[in-house]
Amino acid sequence: MSRRRRRTEPAARERRGRWGTVLLALMGLDVGGAETHVLTLARHLQAMGWRVLVASNGGIYQPELEQLQIPHYQLPLHSAGGLALPRSVLGLRSLLRREQVDLIHAHGRIPAFAADCARAGLGIPLLVTAHARFRAPFHLRLLSRWGDRTIAVSPDLRDHLERHFGVPGERIAVIPNGIDTDRFSPQGETDRRKQGDPLLVSLSRLDRQLTDTALALIEAVLLLRLEQPGIRLLLAGAGEGREEVTQRAQAVNQVAGVELVTFVGALPAVAPLLRTADLVVGVSRAAMEAMACARPVLLAGGEGMAGLLLPSDLAFHARDNFTARQAGAPVNPEALAGGIRRYLALTPRERTELGRQLRGFVLEHCSSREMVRATVAVYYSLLRANAPPGEAKP
């Protein structure tokens, strides 16, 4: 009997879940938008009856997968150097055969390349999600694989894939990032804001570009201290810029004579932190999670600054996944201070209404349930297209 026909037997069907087995492959499970996207997707898929497996280099979110009893397989999918890529390809190929995987859903350039190599000759469909605007020099285009179908999390990424990587438009589905609006909600927010001292919160992966944003934000708060003596900044994140951010925060606190900036590192649960904020500074998924918590957002990150996020601008910024790519304004301490001043000029009622409208947009356009429903529709189309003759199709 063929490998796929064996799965139709009752015991095998029970083992692989009601709808099948999907492998989610990503670089790692530390702080980042793709990482929390995959966790949200995995939770919902499991609740729907899919058997979910995850392969990555691991990280702080592994315990959450363990609590959900979702198996995690550690492979060096974060790197293409040395022996990492061959190890990932061999590890994935063994996993695909052993666990009778029906579909691979890769997130990131290296996981997509490794998965495409690993599935050779096995007849397993590959779906790739593009979470960011990939650089497109010739050698990286050679390493870019886009699977049988591709998901772009925003319209501008779809355009980028068509223009720079030649991915046919009919193979790309635009599915916005989905936020779990039960987990990220205003419920349980503290009364700390009633004290009047503004608390800014920023959380992000600290790669080079985002480290520069964090450093500029520290300087912006220092600039505003004379106008707002009680202002405080709380930074959360992890990555190569951690030490630089820590050192600058300590230096600024010494100059200010108070703990003006607090750096807490990586946090697996960020919703409670977002709820304490008066204003959240960030982009992409972090900004959307803050919006879901009904917190005002200053949109600024590694690809640009758009300023205080207003209801009239939401549709525009959704086109680039709330990254501020389209805004084109540089991120610097003076610009950040200006955006913070604009927020501080709002009345308490205006701030509350702004947060309410931001959450309303997420509920209507960016819910995780809608994201998963649309993603599963792509799964079904791939499984139907790849099902052997005579086998039941989803």
Protein backbone atom coordinates (compact mmCIF):
# COMPACT_ATOMS: atom_id res chain seq x y z
CA MET A 1 0.00 0.00 0.00
CA SER A 2 1.18 3.54 -0.66
CA ARG A 3 2.19 5.85 2.12
CA ARG A 4 -0.90 8.02 1.61
CA ARG A 5 -3.33 5.11 1.38
CA ARG A 6 -2.06 3.76 4.74
CA ARG A 7 -3.24 6.98 6.40
CA THR A 8 -6.86 6.27 5.57
CA GLU A 9 -6.86 3.31 8.00
CA PRO A 10 -8.77 4.19 11.25
CA ALA A 11 -5.79 3.96 13.65
CA ALA A 12 -3.58 6.10 11.44
CA ARG A 13 -6.37 8.63 10.84
CA GLU A 14 -6.92 9.00 14.60
CA ARG A 15 -3.17 9.51 15.13
CA ARG A 16 -2.88 12.23 12.50
CA GLY A 17 -5.87 14.24 13.72
CA ARG A 18 -9.29 14.77 12.26
CA TRP A 19 -8.07 16.78 9.28
CA GLY A 20 -4.45 15.67 9.01
CA THR A 21 -0.96 16.44 10.25
CA VAL A 22 0.59 19.84 9.55
CA LEU A 23 4.21 20.69 10.26
CA LEU A 24 4.90 24.34 11.12
CA ALA A 25 8.57 25.14 10.42
CA LEU A 26 10.17 28.41 11.52
CA MET A 27 13.58 29.76 12.49
CA GLY A 28 13.08 29.89 16.27
CA LEU A 29 10.68 30.49 19.12
CA ASP A 30 12.10 33.66 20.66
CA VAL A 31 10.61 37.17 20.56
CA GLY A 32 9.24 38.14 17.14
CA GLY A 33 6.14 38.54 15.04
CA ALA A 34 6.51 35.31 13.05
CA GLU A 35 7.02 33.37 16.28
CA THR A 36 3.86 34.61 17.98
CA HIS A 37 1.97 34.21 14.68
CA VAL A 38 2.95 30.52 14.60
CA LEU A 39 1.98 29.99 18.25
CA THR A 40 -1.45 31.51 17.61
CA LEU A 41 -1.89 29.42 14.46
CA ALA A 42 -0.82 26.23 16.27
CA ARG A 43 -3.32 26.78 19.10
CA HIS A 44 -6.22 27.34 16.75
CA LEU A 45 -5.33 24.47 14.43
CA GLN A 46 -5.13 22.06 17.33
CA ALA A 47 -8.52 23.24 18.61
CA MET A 48 -9.98 22.62 15.14
CA GLY A 49 -8.81 19.00 15.17
CA TRP A 50 -5.53 19.17 13.25
CA ARG A 51 -2.47 17.30 14.49
CA VAL A 52 0.18 20.01 14.79
CA LEU A 53 3.96 19.58 14.86
CA VAL A 54 6.50 22.41 15.17
CA ALA A 55 10.15 22.43 14.06
CA SER A 56 12.50 25.29 14.95
CA ASN A 57 15.72 26.17 16.75
CA GLY A 58 13.71 26.64 19.95
CA GLY A 59 13.35 29.56 22.35
CA ILE A 60 11.31 31.05 25.17
CA TYR A 61 7.96 30.01 23.69
CA GLN A 62 8.71 26.27 23.88
CA PRO A 63 7.00 25.88 27.28
CA GLU A 64 3.75 27.14 25.75
CA LEU A 65 3.90 24.41 23.12
CA GLU A 66 4.59 21.88 25.88
CA GLN A 67 1.51 23.06 27.79
CA LEU A 68 -0.55 22.55 24.64
CA GLN A 69 1.07 19.11 24.14
CA ILE A 70 2.21 20.16 20.67
CA PRO A 71 5.45 18.31 19.82
CA HIS A 72 8.47 20.50 19.09
CA TYR A 73 11.48 19.23 17.13
CA GLN A 74 14.66 21.22 17.57
CA LEU A 75 16.55 21.79 14.32
CA PRO A 76 19.00 24.60 13.40
CA LEU A 77 16.49 26.30 11.07
CA HIS A 78 17.81 29.71 12.11
CA SER A 79 21.05 29.27 10.16
CA ALA A 80 22.26 28.32 6.69
CA GLY A 81 25.92 28.30 7.71
CA GLY A 82 28.24 25.35 8.22
CA LEU A 83 26.42 22.05 8.67
CA ALA A 84 23.20 23.67 9.91
CA LEU A 85 21.34 23.52 6.61
CA PRO A 86 22.17 19.85 5.81
CA ARG A 87 21.23 18.90 9.38
CA SER A 88 17.92 20.71 9.02
CA VAL A 89 17.12 19.07 5.67
CA LEU A 90 17.94 15.57 6.95
CA GLY A 91 16.07 16.16 10.20
CA LEU A 92 12.99 17.43 8.40
CA ARG A 93 13.01 14.57 5.90
CA SER A 94 13.15 12.02 8.72
CA LEU A 95 10.35 13.85 10.51
CA LEU A 96 8.15 13.98 7.40
CA ARG A 97 8.41 10.23 6.89
CA ARG A 98 8.18 9.17 10.53
CA GLU A 99 5.22 11.37 11.42
CA GLN A 100 3.37 10.98 8.10
CA VAL A 101 3.07 14.72 7.62
CA ASP A 102 0.32 15.81 5.21
CA LEU A 103 1.39 19.42 4.70
CA ILE A 104 4.34 21.69 5.55
CA HIS A 105 3.76 25.34 6.44
CA ALA A 106 7.09 27.20 6.50
CA HIS A 107 7.71 30.66 7.95
CA GLY A 108 10.99 32.29 6.87
CA ARG A 109 13.52 31.92 4.08
CA ILE A 110 15.74 29.23 5.62
CA PRO A 111 12.85 27.02 6.87
CA ALA A 112 11.20 27.25 3.45
CA PHE A 113 14.39 26.27 1.62
CA ALA A 114 15.10 23.36 4.01
CA ALA A 115 11.50 22.13 3.80
CA ASP A 116 11.48 22.28 0.02
CA CYS A 117 14.64 20.16 -0.12
CA ALA A 118 13.37 17.73 2.53
CA ARG A 119 10.06 16.99 0.78
CA ALA A 120 11.66 16.00 -2.54
CA GLY A 121 9.96 12.91 -3.91
CA LEU A 122 7.51 12.60 -1.00
CA GLY A 123 4.55 14.34 -2.61
CA ILE A 124 3.93 16.61 0.41
CA PRO A 125 2.61 20.12 -0.39
CA LEU A 126 4.49 23.15 0.91
CA LEU A 127 2.94 26.47 1.93
CA VAL A 128 5.21 29.43 2.71
CA THR A 129 4.20 32.56 4.64
CA ALA A 130 6.12 35.80 4.02
CA HIS A 131 6.10 37.89 7.19
CA ALA A 132 8.57 40.54 6.07
CA ARG A 133 9.98 42.16 2.97
CA PHE A 134 12.82 39.82 2.05
CA ARG A 135 15.98 41.27 0.55
CA ALA A 136 16.37 40.23 -3.08
CA PRO A 137 20.02 40.12 -4.21
CA PHE A 138 20.73 37.36 -6.72
CA HIS A 139 22.30 34.86 -4.31
CA LEU A 140 19.39 35.18 -1.86
CA ARG A 141 16.83 34.82 -4.63
CA LEU A 142 18.44 31.45 -5.38
CA LEU A 143 17.83 30.40 -1.77
CA SER A 144 14.22 31.59 -1.75
CA ARG A 145 11.51 28.98 -2.15
CA TRP A 146 7.84 29.92 -2.16
CA GLY A 147 6.19 26.50 -2.17
CA ASP A 148 3.07 25.40 -3.96
CA ARG A 149 1.24 28.41 -2.52
CA THR A 150 2.41 31.51 -0.69
CA ILE A 151 0.75 33.65 1.97
CA ALA A 152 1.67 37.34 2.29
CA VAL A 153 0.59 39.06 5.50
CA SER A 154 -0.06 42.37 3.70
CA PRO A 155 -0.76 43.65 0.18
CA ASP A 156 2.60 45.40 -0.11
CA LEU A 157 4.37 42.08 0.57
CA ARG A 158 2.33 40.42 -2.18
CA ASP A 159 3.49 43.16 -4.57
CA HIS A 160 7.09 42.69 -3.40
CA LEU A 161 6.98 38.93 -4.02
CA GLU A 162 5.58 39.41 -7.50
CA ARG A 163 8.01 42.18 -8.47
CA HIS A 164 11.27 40.95 -6.97
CA PHE A 165 10.88 37.17 -6.75
CA GLY A 166 8.59 36.46 -9.68
CA VAL A 167 5.95 34.66 -7.62
CA PRO A 168 2.77 34.50 -9.74
CA GLY A 169 0.02 36.63 -8.25
CA GLU A 170 -2.55 33.84 -8.50
CA ARG A 171 -0.41 31.70 -6.18
CA ILE A 172 -0.31 34.35 -3.43
CA ALA A 173 -3.03 34.69 -0.80
CA VAL A 174 -3.06 37.88 1.28
CA ILE A 175 -4.00 36.92 4.84
CA PRO A 176 -3.39 39.63 7.48
CA ASN A 177 -1.77 38.80 10.79
CA GLY A 178 -4.35 37.53 13.25
CA ILE A 179 -4.46 38.64 16.88
CA ASP A 180 -6.09 36.55 19.61
CA THR A 181 -8.50 39.20 20.87
CA ASP A 182 -9.44 37.11 23.92
CA ARG A 183 -5.84 36.93 25.10
CA PHE A 184 -5.06 40.52 24.02
CA SER A 185 -7.89 42.55 25.46
CA PRO A 186 -8.41 45.48 27.86
CA GLN A 187 -9.71 43.12 30.55
CA GLY A 188 -7.77 43.26 33.78
CA GLU A 189 -5.95 46.50 32.96
CA THR A 190 -4.58 48.27 36.02
CA ASP A 191 -5.56 51.62 37.51
CA ARG A 192 -1.95 52.83 37.38
CA ARG A 193 -2.72 55.30 34.58
CA LYS A 194 -4.99 57.27 36.90
CA GLN A 195 -1.89 58.42 38.77
CA GLY A 196 -1.00 60.72 35.87
CA ASP A 197 2.62 59.72 35.19
CA PRO A 198 2.87 58.53 31.58
CA LEU A 199 4.30 55.05 31.07
CA LEU A 200 5.58 54.16 27.61
CA VAL A 201 6.04 50.52 26.66
CA SER A 202 8.01 49.15 23.72
CA LEU A 203 8.59 45.50 22.91
CA SER A 204 10.36 44.04 19.91
CA ARG A 205 13.04 41.72 18.64
CA LEU A 206 16.35 43.57 19.04
CA ASP A 207 17.97 43.11 15.65
CA ARG A 208 20.09 45.93 14.26
CA GLN A 209 17.30 48.13 12.92
CA LEU A 210 15.03 47.70 15.92
CA THR A 211 17.93 48.23 18.31
CA ASP A 212 18.44 51.64 16.70
CA THR A 213 14.76 52.41 17.31
CA ALA A 214 15.02 51.38 20.97
CA LEU A 215 18.10 53.59 21.46
CA ALA A 216 16.34 56.54 19.81
CA LEU A 217 13.33 56.01 22.06
CA ILE A 218 15.54 56.11 25.15
CA GLU A 219 16.94 59.46 23.99
CA ALA A 220 13.42 60.75 23.25
CA VAL A 221 12.30 60.03 26.81
CA LEU A 222 15.37 61.83 28.11
CA LEU A 223 14.43 64.85 25.97
CA LEU A 224 10.89 64.85 27.39
CA ARG A 225 11.89 64.52 31.03
CA LEU A 226 11.89 68.26 31.73
CA GLU A 227 8.38 68.60 30.28
CA GLN A 228 7.07 65.41 31.90
CA PRO A 229 9.12 64.66 35.05
CA GLY A 230 7.13 61.50 35.77
CA ILE A 231 7.53 59.94 32.33
CA ARG A 232 8.92 56.39 32.27
CA LEU A 233 9.87 53.91 29.56
CA LEU A 234 9.68 50.14 29.85
CA LEU A 235 11.51 48.16 27.14
CA ALA A 236 11.11 44.43 26.51
CA GLY A 237 12.84 42.28 23.92
CA ALA A 238 15.77 40.06 23.07
CA GLY A 239 18.38 39.80 20.37
CA GLU A 240 21.84 40.93 19.38
CA GLY A 241 21.22 44.50 20.59
CA ARG A 242 20.31 43.54 24.15
CA GLU A 243 23.64 44.53 25.70
CA GLU A 244 23.78 47.87 23.90
CA VAL A 245 20.25 48.76 24.99
CA THR A 246 20.97 47.70 28.58
CA GLN A 247 24.11 49.86 28.75
CA ARG A 248 22.40 52.92 27.29
CA ALA A 249 19.43 52.58 29.64
CA GLN A 250 21.77 52.42 32.64
CA ALA A 251 23.70 55.48 31.42
CA VAL A 252 20.52 57.53 30.93
CA ASN A 253 19.21 56.53 34.35
CA GLN A 254 22.47 57.70 35.90
CA VAL A 255 22.20 61.07 34.13
CA ALA A 256 18.53 61.45 35.11
CA GLY A 257 19.09 60.41 38.73
CA VAL A 258 16.00 58.17 38.55
CA GLU A 259 15.03 54.93 36.81
CA LEU A 260 13.77 56.63 33.70
CA VAL A 261 14.18 53.50 31.55
CA THR A 262 13.60 49.90 32.62
CA PHE A 263 14.75 47.07 30.38
CA VAL A 264 13.14 43.72 31.26
CA GLY A 265 14.48 41.51 28.46
CA ALA A 266 12.39 38.81 26.80
CA LEU A 267 8.92 38.03 28.14
CA PRO A 268 6.82 35.06 26.99
CA ALA A 269 3.56 36.73 28.10
CA VAL A 270 3.25 40.34 26.95
CA ALA A 271 -0.48 41.09 27.23
CA PRO A 272 -0.25 42.10 30.95
CA LEU A 273 2.64 44.42 30.09
CA LEU A 274 0.71 46.08 27.25
CA ARG A 275 -2.27 46.70 29.52
CA THR A 276 -0.13 48.74 31.92
CA ALA A 277 0.96 51.13 29.15
CA ASP A 278 -0.35 54.59 28.48
CA LEU A 279 1.26 54.52 25.04
CA VAL A 280 2.86 51.59 23.19
CA VAL A 281 5.70 52.32 20.76
CA GLY A 282 6.21 49.64 18.14
CA VAL A 283 5.26 48.18 14.78
CA SER A 284 3.75 45.12 13.15
CA ARG A 285 2.41 42.44 15.46
CA ALA A 286 3.43 44.25 18.65
CA ALA A 287 1.47 47.31 17.52
CA MET A 288 -1.55 45.17 16.62
CA GLU A 289 -1.48 43.37 19.97
CA ALA A 290 -1.42 46.77 21.70
CA MET A 291 -4.36 47.89 19.55
CA ALA A 292 -6.26 44.76 20.61
CA CYS A 293 -5.62 45.76 24.24
CA ALA A 294 -7.18 49.15 23.41
CA ARG A 295 -3.89 50.95 23.96
CA PRO A 296 -2.87 53.97 21.82
CA VAL A 297 0.11 53.26 19.57
CA LEU A 298 3.02 55.32 18.29
CA LEU A 299 3.95 53.52 15.06
CA ALA A 300 7.75 53.50 14.80
CA GLY A 301 10.22 50.75 14.03
CA GLY A 302 13.10 49.56 11.94
CA GLU A 303 11.52 50.51 8.60
CA GLY A 304 10.26 53.97 9.44
CA MET A 305 7.98 56.10 11.58
CA ALA A 306 4.35 57.02 11.04
CA GLY A 307 3.62 58.78 14.33
CA LEU A 308 0.55 58.44 16.54
CA LEU A 309 -1.79 55.88 15.02
CA LEU A 310 -5.18 57.46 14.30
CA PRO A 311 -8.43 55.75 13.21
CA SER A 312 -8.43 57.64 9.91
CA ASP A 313 -5.06 56.07 8.98
CA LEU A 314 -5.74 52.44 9.90
CA ALA A 315 -6.64 51.18 6.41
CA PHE A 316 -3.51 52.82 4.99
CA HIS A 317 -1.18 51.26 7.55
CA ALA A 318 -2.83 47.83 7.25
CA ARG A 319 -1.48 47.72 3.69
CA ASP A 320 2.06 47.28 5.04
CA ASN A 321 1.18 45.22 8.14
CA PHE A 322 1.54 48.27 10.42
CA THR A 323 5.31 48.39 9.82
CA ALA A 324 5.42 52.13 8.88
CA ARG A 325 7.22 51.12 5.65
CA GLN A 326 4.96 53.34 3.57
CA ALA A 327 5.40 56.36 5.84
CA GLY A 328 9.06 56.75 4.95
CA ALA A 329 9.82 59.12 7.83
CA PRO A 330 13.13 58.54 9.63
CA VAL A 331 13.16 57.39 13.24
CA ASN A 332 15.12 59.73 15.50
CA PRO A 333 14.77 61.03 19.08
CA GLU A 334 13.23 64.36 18.03
CA ALA A 335 10.58 62.73 15.84
CA LEU A 336 9.71 60.20 18.53
CA ALA A 337 9.45 62.95 21.13
CA GLY A 338 7.08 64.83 18.82
CA GLY A 339 4.84 61.78 18.47
CA ILE A 340 4.78 61.27 22.23
CA ARG A 341 3.87 64.94 22.74
CA ARG A 342 0.94 64.51 20.36
CA TYR A 343 -0.35 61.66 22.51
CA LEU A 344 0.18 63.60 25.75
CA ALA A 345 -1.86 66.51 24.34
CA LEU A 346 -4.96 64.29 24.17
CA THR A 347 -7.53 64.45 26.95
CA PRO A 348 -8.21 61.27 28.99
CA ARG A 349 -11.50 60.85 27.15
CA GLU A 350 -9.78 61.18 23.77
CA ARG A 351 -7.18 58.60 24.75
CA THR A 352 -9.87 56.13 25.83
CA GLU A 353 -11.85 56.66 22.63
CA LEU A 354 -8.72 56.23 20.53
CA GLY A 355 -7.96 52.90 22.19
CA ARG A 356 -11.55 51.75 21.72
CA GLN A 357 -11.44 52.47 17.98
CA LEU A 358 -8.08 50.74 17.55
CA ARG A 359 -9.42 47.59 19.21
CA GLY A 360 -12.53 47.78 17.05
CA PHE A 361 -10.39 47.70 13.91
CA VAL A 362 -8.53 44.59 15.09
CA LEU A 363 -11.80 42.85 15.97
CA GLU A 364 -13.19 43.54 12.51
CA HIS A 365 -10.14 43.05 10.31
CA CYS A 366 -7.32 41.26 12.16
CA SER A 367 -8.79 38.55 14.38
CA SER A 368 -6.87 35.29 14.75
CA ARG A 369 -10.00 33.26 14.04
CA GLU A 370 -10.39 34.86 10.62
CA MET A 371 -6.66 34.44 9.94
CA VAL A 372 -6.82 30.73 10.72
CA ARG A 373 -10.04 30.22 8.74
CA ALA A 374 -8.42 31.75 5.66
CA THR A 375 -5.18 29.79 6.20
CA VAL A 376 -7.03 26.49 6.54
CA ALA A 377 -8.85 27.22 3.29
CA VAL A 378 -5.42 27.31 1.61
CA TYR A 379 -4.49 24.04 3.37
CA TYR A 380 -7.59 22.36 1.95
CA SER A 381 -6.87 23.58 -1.56
CA LEU A 382 -3.34 22.14 -1.39
CA LEU A 383 -4.45 18.83 0.10
CA ARG A 384 -7.17 18.42 -2.52
CA ALA A 385 -4.70 19.15 -5.30
CA ASN A 386 -2.20 16.61 -3.91
CA ALA A 387 -4.53 13.79 -2.85
CA PRO A 388 -3.91 10.52 -4.74
CA PRO A 389 -6.81 9.20 -6.90
CA GLY A 390 -9.43 7.43 -4.83
CA GLU A 391 -8.40 8.94 -1.48
CA ALA A 392 -10.93 11.01 0.46
CA LYS A 393 -10.27 14.72 0.02
CA PRO A 394 -10.75 17.34 2.79
